[in-house]
Amino acid sequence: MYAPRAKFEPIYIVSPIKVAIIFLTSLHCLFLFIAFLTSFWIETKYGHHGPLFSCEARLQGKNYPTSYVTYQCNASGFPHDIYILWIPLTTILLVLSFVMSFISIITANLSFKKKSFTIRYRYWLWTILLLFFVCLMDYFILIFIPLSYRHQIYYRRWAYGVHCGATLFISVSLITAILTHNIDDVQYIEAIDESEIEKK
């Protein structure tokens, strides 16, 4: 009497590392959204400035006891800004970074659902490519904003730190995605060939 012949069945298992990559990319989108909606990126003697708008401190009232400070915000910059065009430029880059990060989350999820290894591999390469461009834009923003105010005394505010955290998240996601791009999520387990048992 012969023992039944064993066979190997493929089982698709979602890698926890790839799930962590999607989670870090989602955190990047959240941090980017928070930093985008504030002007607390760079502070100078005139006020505080961000990629979407700038706010200036204005002294209201000429008499000292009745004078008070108000903030006037302008979405297109002020005349004494060194580079007026840096505000719309960084705004466009931040929006593109957010959109491409969101698309990379979609392509990463699509790579989980496809049964063919070739299709999953292709979607994951698209995810890596999108994360790469997002990293380039984020690093450019981190360098370009302080350079725009290099002729003034400026201080980095908390929104700049939030964007640094978002850049760190997307950088870790990109490095991890590159390291895991050639790993197949299909594993094979040993099972008994029932057709051989029926023949017996």
Protein backbone atom coordinates (compact mmCIF):
# COMPACT_ATOMS: atom_id res chain seq x y z
CA MET A 1 0.00 0.00 0.00
CA TYR A 2 1.39 3.33 -1.02
CA ALA A 3 1.16 6.55 0.93
CA PRO A 4 -0.79 9.37 -0.74
CA ARG A 5 1.31 11.69 -2.85
CA ALA A 6 1.89 15.17 -1.43
CA LYS A 7 1.39 18.33 -3.42
CA PHE A 8 2.11 22.00 -2.80
CA GLU A 9 -0.68 24.56 -2.82
CA PRO A 10 0.05 28.29 -3.30
CA ILE A 11 -1.27 30.60 -0.58
CA TYR A 12 -1.15 34.38 -0.97
CA ILE A 13 -0.07 36.13 2.23
CA VAL A 14 0.07 39.92 2.47
CA SER A 15 3.48 40.98 3.71
CA PRO A 16 3.32 42.96 7.00
CA ILE A 17 6.28 45.04 5.77
CA LYS A 18 4.28 46.24 2.78
CA VAL A 19 1.34 47.03 5.05
CA ALA A 20 3.72 49.11 7.18
CA ILE A 21 4.85 50.95 4.03
CA ILE A 22 1.24 51.89 3.25
CA PHE A 23 0.75 53.00 6.86
CA LEU A 24 3.84 55.25 6.75
CA THR A 25 2.70 56.72 3.44
CA SER A 26 -0.70 57.45 4.98
CA LEU A 27 1.03 59.23 7.88
CA HIS A 28 2.98 61.25 5.33
CA CYS A 29 -0.28 62.39 3.72
CA LEU A 30 -1.73 63.32 7.12
CA PHE A 31 1.34 65.32 8.20
CA LEU A 32 1.51 67.00 4.80
CA PHE A 33 -2.13 68.05 5.03
CA ILE A 34 -1.62 69.52 8.52
CA ALA A 35 1.51 71.45 7.49
CA PHE A 36 -0.10 72.68 4.29
CA LEU A 37 -2.95 74.47 6.06
CA THR A 38 -0.76 76.64 8.28
CA SER A 39 1.62 79.55 7.77
CA PHE A 40 3.87 78.60 10.70
CA TRP A 41 6.80 77.40 8.56
CA ILE A 42 9.23 80.34 8.68
CA GLU A 43 9.12 83.30 11.06
CA THR A 44 10.83 86.61 10.31
CA LYS A 45 10.58 90.08 11.82
CA TYR A 46 7.65 90.77 9.50
CA GLY A 47 5.56 87.77 10.51
CA HIS A 48 5.24 84.07 9.75
CA HIS A 49 5.20 82.55 6.29
CA GLY A 50 4.04 79.30 4.76
CA PRO A 51 3.62 77.77 1.32
CA LEU A 52 -0.10 78.64 1.12
CA PHE A 53 -0.07 82.15 2.61
CA SER A 54 1.91 84.58 4.77
CA CYS A 55 0.76 86.52 7.82
CA GLU A 56 2.25 89.83 8.93
CA ALA A 57 2.08 91.55 12.29
CA ARG A 58 0.59 95.04 11.97
CA LEU A 59 0.57 97.61 14.76
CA GLN A 60 -2.86 99.25 14.96
CA GLY A 61 -3.31 102.64 16.68
CA LYS A 62 -0.73 105.34 17.17
CA ASN A 63 -1.20 105.88 20.89
CA TYR A 64 0.85 103.51 23.01
CA PRO A 65 -1.82 102.58 25.62
CA THR A 66 -4.43 101.84 22.95
CA SER A 67 -2.19 100.24 20.31
CA TYR A 68 -2.55 96.56 19.53
CA VAL A 69 -1.10 94.05 17.09
CA THR A 70 -3.13 92.34 14.39
CA TYR A 71 -2.12 89.81 11.75
CA GLN A 72 -2.90 90.36 8.09
CA CYS A 73 -2.70 87.29 5.89
CA ASN A 74 -2.09 87.34 2.16
CA ALA A 75 -2.13 84.35 -0.16
CA SER A 76 0.08 85.97 -2.80
CA GLY A 77 2.91 87.19 -0.59
CA PHE A 78 3.97 90.69 0.45
CA PRO A 79 6.10 93.27 -1.43
CA HIS A 80 9.16 92.74 0.75
CA ASP A 81 9.17 88.96 0.30
CA ILE A 82 12.45 87.92 -1.30
CA TYR A 83 10.86 85.52 -3.76
CA ILE A 84 7.17 86.10 -4.38
CA LEU A 85 6.99 83.02 -6.62
CA TRP A 86 8.18 80.61 -3.93
CA ILE A 87 4.72 80.55 -2.34
CA PRO A 88 2.77 79.21 -5.37
CA LEU A 89 5.71 76.97 -6.33
CA THR A 90 5.85 75.22 -2.96
CA THR A 91 2.06 75.08 -2.90
CA ILE A 92 2.02 73.22 -6.23
CA LEU A 93 4.76 70.86 -5.05
CA LEU A 94 2.96 70.11 -1.80
CA VAL A 95 -0.29 69.35 -3.63
CA LEU A 96 1.56 67.10 -6.10
CA SER A 97 3.34 65.36 -3.23
CA PHE A 98 0.03 64.69 -1.49
CA VAL A 99 -1.71 63.45 -4.67
CA MET A 100 1.18 61.19 -5.71
CA SER A 101 1.42 59.74 -2.20
CA PHE A 102 -2.29 58.96 -2.30
CA ILE A 103 -1.92 57.32 -5.73
CA SER A 104 1.01 55.25 -4.43
CA ILE A 105 -1.25 53.93 -1.65
CA ILE A 106 -3.78 52.86 -4.30
CA THR A 107 -1.16 51.12 -6.47
CA ALA A 108 0.28 49.38 -3.41
CA ASN A 109 -3.17 48.05 -2.52
CA LEU A 110 -3.71 46.92 -6.11
CA SER A 111 -0.48 44.93 -5.92
CA PHE A 112 -2.03 42.91 -3.07
CA LYS A 113 -5.18 41.94 -4.97
CA LYS A 114 -3.74 40.72 -8.27
CA LYS A 115 -3.11 36.99 -8.57
CA SER A 116 -0.42 37.18 -11.21
CA PHE A 117 3.10 37.79 -9.90
CA THR A 118 3.95 39.88 -12.98
CA ILE A 119 1.02 42.23 -12.39
CA ARG A 120 1.78 42.52 -8.67
CA TYR A 121 5.42 43.25 -9.44
CA ARG A 122 4.45 45.93 -11.98
CA TYR A 123 2.12 47.69 -9.55
CA TRP A 124 4.79 47.62 -6.86
CA LEU A 125 7.33 49.19 -9.24
CA TRP A 126 4.82 51.96 -9.92
CA THR A 127 4.53 52.43 -6.16
CA ILE A 128 8.32 52.76 -5.82
CA LEU A 129 8.47 55.25 -8.69
CA LEU A 130 5.75 57.42 -7.15
CA LEU A 131 7.42 57.34 -3.73
CA PHE A 132 10.71 58.36 -5.34
CA PHE A 133 9.20 61.48 -6.93
CA VAL A 134 7.42 62.35 -3.68
CA CYS A 135 10.76 62.16 -1.84
CA LEU A 136 12.39 64.45 -4.39
CA MET A 137 9.65 67.05 -4.05
CA ASP A 138 9.66 66.93 -0.25
CA TYR A 139 13.43 67.33 0.01
CA PHE A 140 13.31 70.18 -2.49
CA ILE A 141 10.70 71.98 -0.38
CA LEU A 142 12.76 71.51 2.80
CA ILE A 143 15.79 73.08 1.13
CA PHE A 144 14.04 75.72 -0.96
CA ILE A 145 11.97 77.38 1.78
CA PRO A 146 14.93 78.36 4.05
CA LEU A 147 16.95 79.44 1.00
CA SER A 148 14.17 81.84 0.07
CA TYR A 149 14.76 83.73 3.33
CA ARG A 150 18.52 83.39 3.61
CA HIS A 151 18.98 87.18 3.45
CA GLN A 152 16.83 87.67 6.54
CA ILE A 153 16.94 86.48 10.12
CA TYR A 154 14.42 83.67 10.23
CA TYR A 155 13.34 80.86 12.53
CA ARG A 156 11.86 77.55 11.57
CA ARG A 157 8.46 76.95 13.12
CA TRP A 158 6.55 73.81 14.03
CA ALA A 159 4.95 73.29 10.59
CA TYR A 160 8.42 73.00 9.07
CA GLY A 161 9.14 70.26 11.62
CA VAL A 162 5.88 68.52 10.71
CA HIS A 163 6.97 68.49 7.08
CA CYS A 164 10.36 67.09 8.15
CA GLY A 165 8.49 64.25 9.86
CA ALA A 166 6.42 63.64 6.72
CA THR A 167 9.61 63.54 4.65
CA LEU A 168 11.12 61.03 7.08
CA PHE A 169 8.06 58.78 6.78
CA ILE A 170 8.12 58.81 2.97
CA SER A 171 11.90 58.22 2.90
CA VAL A 172 11.57 55.12 5.09
CA SER A 173 8.69 53.93 2.89
CA LEU A 174 10.78 54.35 -0.26
CA ILE A 175 13.83 52.54 1.12
CA THR A 176 11.72 49.67 2.47
CA ALA A 177 9.74 49.40 -0.77
CA ILE A 178 12.96 49.13 -2.78
CA LEU A 179 14.35 46.45 -0.47
CA THR A 180 11.17 44.36 -0.70
CA HIS A 181 10.39 44.85 -4.39
CA ASN A 182 11.64 41.39 -5.39
CA ILE A 183 9.87 39.45 -2.64
CA ASP A 184 6.89 37.35 -3.70
CA ASP A 185 3.97 37.19 -1.27
CA VAL A 186 2.93 33.72 -2.43
CA GLN A 187 3.94 30.87 -0.15
CA TYR A 188 3.51 27.16 -0.76
CA ILE A 189 2.22 24.69 1.82
CA GLU A 190 2.23 20.94 1.62
CA ALA A 191 -1.14 19.26 1.05
CA ILE A 192 -2.34 15.76 0.26
CA ASP A 193 -3.35 15.00 -3.31
CA GLU A 194 -6.95 13.79 -2.86
CA SER A 195 -7.15 12.47 -6.41
CA GLU A 196 -4.52 9.85 -5.57
CA ILE A 197 -6.59 8.73 -2.56
CA GLU A 198 -9.71 8.32 -4.68
CA LYS A 199 -7.83 6.10 -7.14
CA LYS A 200 -6.86 3.78 -4.32
